[in-house]
Amino acid sequence: MNQILAIAKNTFKEAVRNRILYVILIFALLLIISSGVLSELTIASREKIMRSLGFTAINLFGVAIAVFVGVSLVYNELEKKTIYTIVSKPIGRWQFLMGKYFGLLMTVWVNVLIMSIFFLSALHYYDAAARPDSSGFLATIALSLGKSVANLFLWDTFAATQAIMPVIAITCLELAVVTAFAILYSSFSTPTLSMFFTILTFIAGRMNEDIIRFTQQVMTNAKKVAQGAGTDVEVPASFYLANIAAHISPNLGAFSEAVKTAIYDKKTEILQGSLIYGILYSTGVLCLAIMIFQRRNFK
């Protein structure tokens, strides 16, 4: 366990020094802060628009950090030949890979924490500014920051940020799944291909429920054709291919559905199932990554 923590700590320090991390974070913070201004341009509820933009920014930029930083972690160790020094010590390959994963996950979650504080502060600020008895500009900002920090420990204390922290926690689990895939692909491929595979997996995961609906529609059409022709139902090959894709790819649509429920209905009942699913799926992907990495020849 100490070896895993040491590698995770070094991975976190290495990732923090990556300049692209700060570029992504700055863009995310700018989008979150400007969400209040953008909400003025629509006729919909400001609160719902701000929640939607905030959650989208945290999720997409969190994925961007996992992809752009994570896909090169293992490859860099191989390219710089430092992997030989590491594996020559009493450290298993699985410990090395788990350390890389937790270090990257720590990097992603710390950035999510920063974005969440700014997101919560923006919600508290615009909620306070809309009241007739609001304080001055600086006092409102200071109060908003204080409430956002309190939100990290007292999840549903404030009405303006109700049901947000559970969703951010679920978003962290979704990012844990994406991070696991980034580590999996980087364990046997180049950074460019790993980036492509991870992004493709994320898109497929978000479209998972649409793929399932597609398979249902394919079968419905096949039955209609069979009834019209008076023959047995012939299952198309696209049905099997779509079913395989739906069962292999992660069901990230379940996470986005939980976010939508929290945004519009402020309900978090769906989150428990997403929690279990995220943990089990991440564990399965990491086990597969370890199996591949154990068999890899470094020569």
C-alpha atoms as a PDB file:
ATOM      1  CA  MET A   1       0.000   0.000   0.000  1.00  0.00           C
ATOM      2  CA  ASN A   2       2.879   2.379   0.772  1.00  0.00           C
ATOM      3  CA  GLN A   3       4.305   1.786  -2.708  1.00  0.00           C
ATOM      4  CA  ILE A   4       0.977   2.663  -4.327  1.00  0.00           C
ATOM      5  CA  LEU A   5       0.672   5.847  -2.277  1.00  0.00           C
ATOM      6  CA  ALA A   6       4.246   6.879  -3.121  1.00  0.00           C
ATOM      7  CA  ILE A   7       3.648   6.410  -6.872  1.00  0.00           C
ATOM      8  CA  ALA A   8       0.298   8.194  -6.602  1.00  0.00           C
ATOM      9  CA  LYS A   9       1.943  11.135  -4.850  1.00  0.00           C
ATOM     10  CA  ASN A  10       4.674  11.418  -7.488  1.00  0.00           C
ATOM     11  CA  THR A  11       2.099  11.088 -10.271  1.00  0.00           C
ATOM     12  CA  PHE A  12       0.055  13.897  -8.756  1.00  0.00           C
ATOM     13  CA  LYS A  13       3.113  16.154  -8.530  1.00  0.00           C
ATOM     14  CA  GLU A  14       4.031  15.335 -12.133  1.00  0.00           C
ATOM     15  CA  ALA A  15       0.495  16.051 -13.364  1.00  0.00           C
ATOM     16  CA  VAL A  16       0.300  19.354 -11.487  1.00  0.00           C
ATOM     17  CA  ARG A  17       3.404  20.554 -13.346  1.00  0.00           C
ATOM     18  CA  ASN A  18       1.668  19.921 -16.673  1.00  0.00           C
ATOM     19  CA  ARG A  19       0.813  23.325 -18.187  1.00  0.00           C
ATOM     20  CA  ILE A  20      -2.126  22.042 -20.169  1.00  0.00           C
ATOM     21  CA  LEU A  21      -3.807  21.306 -16.849  1.00  0.00           C
ATOM     22  CA  TYR A  22      -3.940  25.012 -15.988  1.00  0.00           C
ATOM     23  CA  VAL A  23      -5.208  25.958 -19.449  1.00  0.00           C
ATOM     24  CA  ILE A  24      -8.106  23.515 -19.120  1.00  0.00           C
ATOM     25  CA  LEU A  25      -8.850  24.646 -15.565  1.00  0.00           C
ATOM     26  CA  ILE A  26      -8.866  28.346 -16.505  1.00  0.00           C
ATOM     27  CA  PHE A  27     -11.321  27.739 -19.349  1.00  0.00           C
ATOM     28  CA  ALA A  28     -13.569  25.765 -17.004  1.00  0.00           C
ATOM     29  CA  LEU A  29     -13.549  28.471 -14.339  1.00  0.00           C
ATOM     30  CA  LEU A  30     -14.285  31.191 -16.897  1.00  0.00           C
ATOM     31  CA  LEU A  31     -17.267  29.228 -18.180  1.00  0.00           C
ATOM     32  CA  ILE A  32     -18.601  28.636 -14.672  1.00  0.00           C
ATOM     33  CA  ILE A  33     -18.175  32.271 -13.604  1.00  0.00           C
ATOM     34  CA  SER A  34     -19.796  33.571 -16.796  1.00  0.00           C
ATOM     35  CA  SER A  35     -22.749  31.183 -16.488  1.00  0.00           C
ATOM     36  CA  GLY A  36     -24.702  33.847 -14.608  1.00  0.00           C
ATOM     37  CA  VAL A  37     -24.228  36.323 -17.456  1.00  0.00           C
ATOM     38  CA  LEU A  38     -25.102  33.714 -20.084  1.00  0.00           C
ATOM     39  CA  SER A  39     -28.299  32.811 -18.224  1.00  0.00           C
ATOM     40  CA  GLU A  40     -29.519  36.385 -18.762  1.00  0.00           C
ATOM     41  CA  LEU A  41     -29.616  35.734 -22.523  1.00  0.00           C
ATOM     42  CA  THR A  42     -32.293  33.044 -22.222  1.00  0.00           C
ATOM     43  CA  ILE A  43     -35.927  33.059 -21.126  1.00  0.00           C
ATOM     44  CA  ALA A  44     -35.476  29.922 -19.036  1.00  0.00           C
ATOM     45  CA  SER A  45     -34.892  29.902 -15.299  1.00  0.00           C
ATOM     46  CA  ARG A  46     -31.502  31.391 -14.401  1.00  0.00           C
ATOM     47  CA  GLU A  47     -30.951  28.765 -11.714  1.00  0.00           C
ATOM     48  CA  LYS A  48     -31.506  25.845 -14.116  1.00  0.00           C
ATOM     49  CA  ILE A  49     -29.275  27.388 -16.781  1.00  0.00           C
ATOM     50  CA  MET A  50     -26.491  28.007 -14.265  1.00  0.00           C
ATOM     51  CA  ARG A  51     -26.794  24.492 -12.884  1.00  0.00           C
ATOM     52  CA  SER A  52     -26.744  22.983 -16.361  1.00  0.00           C
ATOM     53  CA  LEU A  53     -23.711  25.006 -17.501  1.00  0.00           C
ATOM     54  CA  GLY A  54     -21.881  24.397 -14.235  1.00  0.00           C
ATOM     55  CA  PHE A  55     -22.377  20.638 -14.276  1.00  0.00           C
ATOM     56  CA  THR A  56     -21.458  20.488 -17.976  1.00  0.00           C
ATOM     57  CA  ALA A  57     -18.252  22.452 -17.414  1.00  0.00           C
ATOM     58  CA  ILE A  58     -17.198  20.312 -14.442  1.00  0.00           C
ATOM     59  CA  ASN A  59     -17.910  17.077 -16.305  1.00  0.00           C
ATOM     60  CA  LEU A  60     -16.412  17.897 -19.704  1.00  0.00           C
ATOM     61  CA  PHE A  61     -13.323  19.658 -18.406  1.00  0.00           C
ATOM     62  CA  GLY A  62     -12.834  16.884 -15.859  1.00  0.00           C
ATOM     63  CA  VAL A  63     -12.868  14.396 -18.738  1.00  0.00           C
ATOM     64  CA  ALA A  64     -10.442  16.623 -20.665  1.00  0.00           C
ATOM     65  CA  ILE A  65      -8.003  16.584 -17.737  1.00  0.00           C
ATOM     66  CA  ALA A  66      -8.260  12.791 -17.412  1.00  0.00           C
ATOM     67  CA  VAL A  67      -7.676  12.350 -21.150  1.00  0.00           C
ATOM     68  CA  PHE A  68      -4.938  14.884 -21.888  1.00  0.00           C
ATOM     69  CA  VAL A  69      -2.973  14.237 -18.706  1.00  0.00           C
ATOM     70  CA  GLY A  70      -3.668  10.547 -18.196  1.00  0.00           C
ATOM     71  CA  VAL A  71      -2.954   9.031 -21.595  1.00  0.00           C
ATOM     72  CA  SER A  72       0.760   9.860 -21.421  1.00  0.00           C
ATOM     73  CA  LEU A  73       1.475   8.848 -17.823  1.00  0.00           C
ATOM     74  CA  VAL A  74       2.505   5.253 -18.505  1.00  0.00           C
ATOM     75  CA  TYR A  75       3.950   6.040 -21.946  1.00  0.00           C
ATOM     76  CA  ASN A  76       6.279   8.696 -20.519  1.00  0.00           C
ATOM     77  CA  GLU A  77       7.700   6.196 -18.049  1.00  0.00           C
ATOM     78  CA  LEU A  78       8.437   3.835 -20.924  1.00  0.00           C
ATOM     79  CA  GLU A  79       9.807   6.571 -23.183  1.00  0.00           C
ATOM     80  CA  LYS A  80      12.163   7.913 -20.508  1.00  0.00           C
ATOM     81  CA  LYS A  81      13.174   4.355 -19.486  1.00  0.00           C
ATOM     82  CA  THR A  82      12.314   5.142 -15.859  1.00  0.00           C
ATOM     83  CA  ILE A  83      10.022   2.111 -15.807  1.00  0.00           C
ATOM     84  CA  TYR A  84      13.108  -0.149 -15.605  1.00  0.00           C
ATOM     85  CA  THR A  85      14.229   1.550 -12.401  1.00  0.00           C
ATOM     86  CA  ILE A  86      10.771   1.250 -10.887  1.00  0.00           C
ATOM     87  CA  VAL A  87      10.110  -2.410 -11.707  1.00  0.00           C
ATOM     88  CA  SER A  88      13.620  -3.397 -10.562  1.00  0.00           C
ATOM     89  CA  LYS A  89      12.575  -2.414  -7.035  1.00  0.00           C
ATOM     90  CA  PRO A  90      10.220  -4.477  -4.847  1.00  0.00           C
ATOM     91  CA  ILE A  91       7.210  -2.936  -6.577  1.00  0.00           C
ATOM     92  CA  GLY A  92       4.728  -5.022  -8.552  1.00  0.00           C
ATOM     93  CA  ARG A  93       3.471  -3.891 -11.921  1.00  0.00           C
ATOM     94  CA  TRP A  94      -0.047  -3.804 -10.539  1.00  0.00           C
ATOM     95  CA  GLN A  95       1.119  -1.476  -7.769  1.00  0.00           C
ATOM     96  CA  PHE A  96       2.743   0.796 -10.352  1.00  0.00           C
ATOM     97  CA  LEU A  97      -0.439   0.940 -12.429  1.00  0.00           C
ATOM     98  CA  MET A  98      -2.698   1.467  -9.408  1.00  0.00           C
ATOM     99  CA  GLY A  99      -0.408   4.242  -8.186  1.00  0.00           C
ATOM    100  CA  LYS A 100      -0.658   5.943 -11.582  1.00  0.00           C
ATOM    101  CA  TYR A 101      -4.431   5.599 -11.502  1.00  0.00           C
ATOM    102  CA  PHE A 102      -4.896   7.033  -8.017  1.00  0.00           C
ATOM    103  CA  GLY A 103      -2.426   9.833  -8.735  1.00  0.00           C
ATOM    104  CA  LEU A 104      -4.334  10.821 -11.871  1.00  0.00           C
ATOM    105  CA  LEU A 105      -7.657  10.439 -10.094  1.00  0.00           C
ATOM    106  CA  MET A 106      -6.394  12.684  -7.299  1.00  0.00           C
ATOM    107  CA  THR A 107      -5.443  15.291  -9.915  1.00  0.00           C
ATOM    108  CA  VAL A 108      -8.876  15.120 -11.544  1.00  0.00           C
ATOM    109  CA  TRP A 109     -10.735  15.289  -8.232  1.00  0.00           C
ATOM    110  CA  VAL A 110      -8.692  18.234  -6.945  1.00  0.00           C
ATOM    111  CA  ASN A 111      -9.566  20.144 -10.101  1.00  0.00           C
ATOM    112  CA  VAL A 112     -13.209  19.146  -9.718  1.00  0.00           C
ATOM    113  CA  LEU A 113     -13.053  20.459  -6.144  1.00  0.00           C
ATOM    114  CA  ILE A 114     -11.716  23.829  -7.342  1.00  0.00           C
ATOM    115  CA  MET A 115     -14.348  24.054 -10.086  1.00  0.00           C
ATOM    116  CA  SER A 116     -17.074  23.051  -7.621  1.00  0.00           C
ATOM    117  CA  ILE A 117     -16.119  25.807  -5.177  1.00  0.00           C
ATOM    118  CA  PHE A 118     -16.335  28.400  -7.954  1.00  0.00           C
ATOM    119  CA  PHE A 119     -19.611  26.866  -9.177  1.00  0.00           C
ATOM    120  CA  LEU A 120     -21.185  26.944  -5.730  1.00  0.00           C
ATOM    121  CA  SER A 121     -19.877  30.475  -5.131  1.00  0.00           C
ATOM    122  CA  ALA A 122     -21.480  31.660  -8.388  1.00  0.00           C
ATOM    123  CA  LEU A 123     -24.833  30.165  -7.382  1.00  0.00           C
ATOM    124  CA  HIS A 124     -24.667  31.725  -3.909  1.00  0.00           C
ATOM    125  CA  TYR A 125     -23.568  35.077  -5.332  1.00  0.00           C
ATOM    126  CA  TYR A 126     -26.404  35.403  -7.851  1.00  0.00           C
ATOM    127  CA  ASP A 127     -28.899  34.146  -5.286  1.00  0.00           C
ATOM    128  CA  ALA A 128     -27.758  36.808  -2.789  1.00  0.00           C
ATOM    129  CA  ALA A 129     -27.534  39.545  -5.450  1.00  0.00           C
ATOM    130  CA  ALA A 130     -31.159  38.917  -6.462  1.00  0.00           C
ATOM    131  CA  ARG A 131     -32.395  39.762  -2.970  1.00  0.00           C
ATOM    132  CA  PRO A 132     -33.336  43.353  -2.151  1.00  0.00           C
ATOM    133  CA  ASP A 133     -31.436  43.260   1.160  1.00  0.00           C
ATOM    134  CA  SER A 134     -28.164  42.066  -0.415  1.00  0.00           C
ATOM    135  CA  SER A 135     -24.878  43.375   0.951  1.00  0.00           C
ATOM    136  CA  GLY A 136     -22.157  45.152  -0.989  1.00  0.00           C
ATOM    137  CA  PHE A 137     -20.215  43.546  -3.836  1.00  0.00           C
ATOM    138  CA  LEU A 138     -17.161  42.449  -1.823  1.00  0.00           C
ATOM    139  CA  ALA A 139     -19.238  41.343   1.153  1.00  0.00           C
ATOM    140  CA  THR A 140     -21.467  39.242  -1.113  1.00  0.00           C
ATOM    141  CA  ILE A 141     -18.450  37.585  -2.742  1.00  0.00           C
ATOM    142  CA  ALA A 142     -16.883  36.804   0.639  1.00  0.00           C
ATOM    143  CA  LEU A 143     -20.177  35.398   1.936  1.00  0.00           C
ATOM    144  CA  SER A 144     -20.629  33.317  -1.215  1.00  0.00           C
ATOM    145  CA  LEU A 145     -17.154  31.821  -0.897  1.00  0.00           C
ATOM    146  CA  GLY A 146     -17.804  31.012   2.752  1.00  0.00           C
ATOM    147  CA  LYS A 147     -21.081  29.280   1.919  1.00  0.00           C
ATOM    148  CA  SER A 148     -19.484  27.319  -0.928  1.00  0.00           C
ATOM    149  CA  VAL A 149     -16.805  25.950   1.420  1.00  0.00           C
ATOM    150  CA  ALA A 150     -19.503  25.082   3.971  1.00  0.00           C
ATOM    151  CA  ASN A 151     -21.385  23.278   1.193  1.00  0.00           C
ATOM    152  CA  LEU A 152     -18.557  20.771   0.927  1.00  0.00           C
ATOM    153  CA  PHE A 153     -19.465  19.489   4.397  1.00  0.00           C
ATOM    154  CA  LEU A 154     -23.129  20.537   4.722  1.00  0.00           C
ATOM    155  CA  TRP A 155     -24.600  19.318   1.447  1.00  0.00           C
ATOM    156  CA  ASP A 156     -28.238  20.440   1.585  1.00  0.00           C
ATOM    157  CA  THR A 157     -28.061  23.301   4.065  1.00  0.00           C
ATOM    158  CA  PHE A 158     -28.635  26.083   1.501  1.00  0.00           C
ATOM    159  CA  ALA A 159     -31.628  26.234  -0.850  1.00  0.00           C
ATOM    160  CA  ALA A 160     -29.598  27.761  -3.697  1.00  0.00           C
ATOM    161  CA  THR A 161     -27.334  24.701  -3.898  1.00  0.00           C
ATOM    162  CA  GLN A 162     -29.765  21.949  -3.008  1.00  0.00           C
ATOM    163  CA  ALA A 163     -28.954  18.505  -4.508  1.00  0.00           C
ATOM    164  CA  ILE A 164     -25.727  19.779  -6.090  1.00  0.00           C
ATOM    165  CA  MET A 165     -23.082  18.094  -3.934  1.00  0.00           C
ATOM    166  CA  PRO A 166     -24.471  14.548  -4.384  1.00  0.00           C
ATOM    167  CA  VAL A 167     -24.393  15.088  -8.151  1.00  0.00           C
ATOM    168  CA  ILE A 168     -20.816  16.373  -8.010  1.00  0.00           C
ATOM    169  CA  ALA A 169     -19.934  13.217  -6.074  1.00  0.00           C
ATOM    170  CA  ILE A 170     -21.529  11.099  -8.807  1.00  0.00           C
ATOM    171  CA  THR A 171     -19.685  13.155 -11.434  1.00  0.00           C
ATOM    172  CA  CYS A 172     -16.456  12.244  -9.623  1.00  0.00           C
ATOM    173  CA  LEU A 173     -17.409   8.575  -9.980  1.00  0.00           C
ATOM    174  CA  GLU A 174     -18.077   9.021 -13.698  1.00  0.00           C
ATOM    175  CA  LEU A 175     -14.663  10.629 -14.037  1.00  0.00           C
ATOM    176  CA  ALA A 176     -13.195   7.679 -12.120  1.00  0.00           C
ATOM    177  CA  VAL A 177     -14.559   5.377 -14.838  1.00  0.00           C
ATOM    178  CA  VAL A 178     -13.139   7.581 -17.618  1.00  0.00           C
ATOM    179  CA  THR A 179      -9.797   7.780 -15.792  1.00  0.00           C
ATOM    180  CA  ALA A 180      -9.709   3.988 -15.517  1.00  0.00           C
ATOM    181  CA  PHE A 181     -10.137   3.742 -19.292  1.00  0.00           C
ATOM    182  CA  ALA A 182      -7.380   6.313 -19.845  1.00  0.00           C
ATOM    183  CA  ILE A 183      -5.040   4.152 -17.745  1.00  0.00           C
ATOM    184  CA  LEU A 184      -6.211   0.987 -19.518  1.00  0.00           C
ATOM    185  CA  TYR A 185      -5.471   2.323 -22.997  1.00  0.00           C
ATOM    186  CA  SER A 186      -2.191   3.927 -21.949  1.00  0.00           C
ATOM    187  CA  SER A 187      -1.017   0.558 -20.600  1.00  0.00           C
ATOM    188  CA  PHE A 188      -0.689  -0.878 -24.115  1.00  0.00           C
ATOM    189  CA  SER A 189      -0.953   1.993 -26.623  1.00  0.00           C
ATOM    190  CA  THR A 190       0.578   5.326 -27.632  1.00  0.00           C
ATOM    191  CA  PRO A 191      -0.747   8.637 -26.218  1.00  0.00           C
ATOM    192  CA  THR A 192      -2.458   9.577 -29.500  1.00  0.00           C
ATOM    193  CA  LEU A 193      -4.317   6.291 -29.809  1.00  0.00           C
ATOM    194  CA  SER A 194      -5.060   6.241 -26.075  1.00  0.00           C
ATOM    195  CA  MET A 195      -6.593   9.703 -26.338  1.00  0.00           C
ATOM    196  CA  PHE A 196      -8.687   8.638 -29.323  1.00  0.00           C
ATOM    197  CA  PHE A 197      -9.872   5.439 -27.616  1.00  0.00           C
ATOM    198  CA  THR A 198     -10.717   7.219 -24.352  1.00  0.00           C
ATOM    199  CA  ILE A 199     -12.729   9.953 -26.076  1.00  0.00           C
ATOM    200  CA  LEU A 200     -14.495   7.338 -28.201  1.00  0.00           C
ATOM    201  CA  THR A 201     -15.325   5.324 -25.085  1.00  0.00           C
ATOM    202  CA  PHE A 202     -16.703   8.417 -23.361  1.00  0.00           C
ATOM    203  CA  ILE A 203     -18.930   9.222 -26.352  1.00  0.00           C
ATOM    204  CA  ALA A 204     -20.121   5.613 -26.626  1.00  0.00           C
ATOM    205  CA  GLY A 205     -20.800   5.558 -22.892  1.00  0.00           C
ATOM    206  CA  ARG A 206     -22.888   8.712 -23.072  1.00  0.00           C
ATOM    207  CA  MET A 207     -24.837   7.206 -26.004  1.00  0.00           C
ATOM    208  CA  ASN A 208     -25.262   3.830 -24.306  1.00  0.00           C
ATOM    209  CA  GLU A 209     -28.988   4.189 -23.660  1.00  0.00           C
ATOM    210  CA  ASP A 210     -29.519   5.480 -27.219  1.00  0.00           C
ATOM    211  CA  ILE A 211     -27.774   2.355 -28.533  1.00  0.00           C
ATOM    212  CA  ILE A 212     -30.132   0.180 -26.471  1.00  0.00           C
ATOM    213  CA  ARG A 213     -33.140   2.038 -27.863  1.00  0.00           C
ATOM    214  CA  PHE A 214     -31.686   1.515 -31.338  1.00  0.00           C
ATOM    215  CA  THR A 215     -31.568  -2.259 -30.801  1.00  0.00           C
ATOM    216  CA  GLN A 216     -35.203  -2.218 -29.689  1.00  0.00           C
ATOM    217  CA  GLN A 217     -36.185  -0.260 -32.787  1.00  0.00           C
ATOM    218  CA  VAL A 218     -34.255  -2.666 -35.022  1.00  0.00           C
ATOM    219  CA  MET A 219     -36.139  -5.622 -33.573  1.00  0.00           C
ATOM    220  CA  THR A 220     -39.469  -3.812 -33.903  1.00  0.00           C
ATOM    221  CA  ASN A 221     -38.787  -3.108 -37.585  1.00  0.00           C
ATOM    222  CA  ALA A 222     -37.671  -6.714 -38.158  1.00  0.00           C
ATOM    223  CA  LYS A 223     -40.902  -8.045 -36.631  1.00  0.00           C
ATOM    224  CA  LYS A 224     -42.999  -5.717 -38.801  1.00  0.00           C
ATOM    225  CA  VAL A 225     -41.195  -6.905 -41.950  1.00  0.00           C
ATOM    226  CA  ALA A 226     -41.642 -10.550 -40.921  1.00  0.00           C
ATOM    227  CA  GLN A 227     -45.359 -10.075 -40.217  1.00  0.00           C
ATOM    228  CA  GLY A 228     -45.882  -8.351 -43.558  1.00  0.00           C
ATOM    229  CA  ALA A 229     -44.081 -11.118 -45.436  1.00  0.00           C
ATOM    230  CA  GLY A 230     -45.560 -13.936 -43.345  1.00  0.00           C
ATOM    231  CA  THR A 231     -42.135 -15.348 -42.471  1.00  0.00           C
ATOM    232  CA  ASP A 232     -40.083 -15.906 -39.339  1.00  0.00           C
ATOM    233  CA  VAL A 233     -38.319 -12.957 -37.766  1.00  0.00           C
ATOM    234  CA  GLU A 234     -34.805 -12.574 -39.139  1.00  0.00           C
ATOM    235  CA  VAL A 235     -32.612 -10.766 -36.648  1.00  0.00           C
ATOM    236  CA  PRO A 236     -30.317  -8.269 -38.430  1.00  0.00           C
ATOM    237  CA  ALA A 237     -26.582  -8.279 -37.752  1.00  0.00           C
ATOM    238  CA  SER A 238     -26.836  -4.643 -36.597  1.00  0.00           C
ATOM    239  CA  PHE A 239     -28.913  -5.853 -33.631  1.00  0.00           C
ATOM    240  CA  TYR A 240     -26.111  -8.098 -32.369  1.00  0.00           C
ATOM    241  CA  LEU A 241     -23.402  -5.515 -33.008  1.00  0.00           C
ATOM    242  CA  ALA A 242     -25.346  -2.782 -31.215  1.00  0.00           C
ATOM    243  CA  ASN A 243     -26.088  -5.123 -28.287  1.00  0.00           C
ATOM    244  CA  ILE A 244     -22.408  -6.002 -27.922  1.00  0.00           C
ATOM    245  CA  ALA A 245     -21.448  -2.304 -28.028  1.00  0.00           C
ATOM    246  CA  ALA A 246     -24.105  -1.427 -25.435  1.00  0.00           C
ATOM    247  CA  HIS A 247     -22.946  -4.115 -22.988  1.00  0.00           C
ATOM    248  CA  ILE A 248     -19.211  -3.488 -23.390  1.00  0.00           C
ATOM    249  CA  SER A 249     -19.215   0.315 -23.234  1.00  0.00           C
ATOM    250  CA  PRO A 250     -19.821   1.959 -19.840  1.00  0.00           C
ATOM    251  CA  ASN A 251     -23.335   3.243 -19.247  1.00  0.00           C
ATOM    252  CA  LEU A 252     -22.335   6.843 -18.612  1.00  0.00           C
ATOM    253  CA  GLY A 253     -25.845   7.854 -19.620  1.00  0.00           C
ATOM    254  CA  ALA A 254     -26.952   6.745 -16.160  1.00  0.00           C
ATOM    255  CA  PHE A 255     -24.686   9.390 -14.633  1.00  0.00           C
ATOM    256  CA  SER A 256     -25.971  12.129 -16.956  1.00  0.00           C
ATOM    257  CA  GLU A 257     -29.544  11.084 -16.151  1.00  0.00           C
ATOM    258  CA  ALA A 258     -28.783  11.522 -12.454  1.00  0.00           C
ATOM    259  CA  VAL A 259     -27.441  15.004 -13.192  1.00  0.00           C
ATOM    260  CA  LYS A 260     -30.573  15.950 -15.154  1.00  0.00           C
ATOM    261  CA  THR A 261     -32.781  14.706 -12.330  1.00  0.00           C
ATOM    262  CA  ALA A 262     -30.882  16.840  -9.834  1.00  0.00           C
ATOM    263  CA  ILE A 263     -30.944  19.921 -12.092  1.00  0.00           C
ATOM    264  CA  TYR A 264     -34.634  19.937 -12.920  1.00  0.00           C
ATOM    265  CA  ASP A 265     -36.286  17.923 -10.123  1.00  0.00           C
ATOM    266  CA  LYS A 266     -33.703  18.360  -7.337  1.00  0.00           C
ATOM    267  CA  LYS A 267     -34.012  14.656  -6.525  1.00  0.00           C
ATOM    268  CA  THR A 268     -31.089  12.366  -5.699  1.00  0.00           C
ATOM    269  CA  GLU A 269     -32.767   8.944  -5.330  1.00  0.00           C
ATOM    270  CA  ILE A 270     -31.165   7.683  -8.555  1.00  0.00           C
ATOM    271  CA  LEU A 271     -27.658   8.366  -7.265  1.00  0.00           C
ATOM    272  CA  GLN A 272     -27.251   5.212  -5.143  1.00  0.00           C
ATOM    273  CA  GLY A 273     -27.424   2.885  -8.146  1.00  0.00           C
ATOM    274  CA  SER A 274     -24.915   5.061 -10.025  1.00  0.00           C
ATOM    275  CA  LEU A 275     -22.566   4.906  -7.028  1.00  0.00           C
ATOM    276  CA  ILE A 276     -22.457   1.092  -6.985  1.00  0.00           C
ATOM    277  CA  TYR A 277     -22.196   0.884 -10.765  1.00  0.00           C
ATOM    278  CA  GLY A 278     -19.315   3.365 -10.926  1.00  0.00           C
ATOM    279  CA  ILE A 279     -17.265   1.559  -8.291  1.00  0.00           C
ATOM    280  CA  LEU A 280     -17.775  -1.897  -9.803  1.00  0.00           C
ATOM    281  CA  TYR A 281     -17.112  -0.793 -13.380  1.00  0.00           C
ATOM    282  CA  SER A 282     -13.942   1.125 -12.459  1.00  0.00           C
ATOM    283  CA  THR A 283     -12.677  -1.937 -10.579  1.00  0.00           C
ATOM    284  CA  GLY A 284     -13.338  -4.172 -13.577  1.00  0.00           C
ATOM    285  CA  VAL A 285     -11.530  -1.857 -16.009  1.00  0.00           C
ATOM    286  CA  LEU A 286      -8.525  -1.578 -13.683  1.00  0.00           C
ATOM    287  CA  CYS A 287      -8.333  -5.361 -13.333  1.00  0.00           C
ATOM    288  CA  LEU A 288      -8.253  -5.647 -17.134  1.00  0.00           C
ATOM    289  CA  ALA A 289      -5.540  -2.959 -17.323  1.00  0.00           C
ATOM    290  CA  ILE A 290      -3.428  -4.810 -14.752  1.00  0.00           C
ATOM    291  CA  MET A 291      -3.793  -8.106 -16.651  1.00  0.00           C
ATOM    292  CA  ILE A 292      -2.588  -6.441 -19.884  1.00  0.00           C
ATOM    293  CA  PHE A 293       0.229  -4.545 -18.195  1.00  0.00           C
ATOM    294  CA  GLN A 294       1.479  -7.671 -16.403  1.00  0.00           C
ATOM    295  CA  ARG A 295       1.987  -9.379 -19.768  1.00  0.00           C
ATOM    296  CA  ARG A 296       3.598  -6.420 -21.512  1.00  0.00           C
ATOM    297  CA  ASN A 297       7.202  -6.752 -22.663  1.00  0.00           C
ATOM    298  CA  PHE A 298       9.189  -3.543 -21.989  1.00  0.00           C
ATOM    299  CA  LYS A 299      12.038  -4.465 -24.320  1.00  0.00           C
END
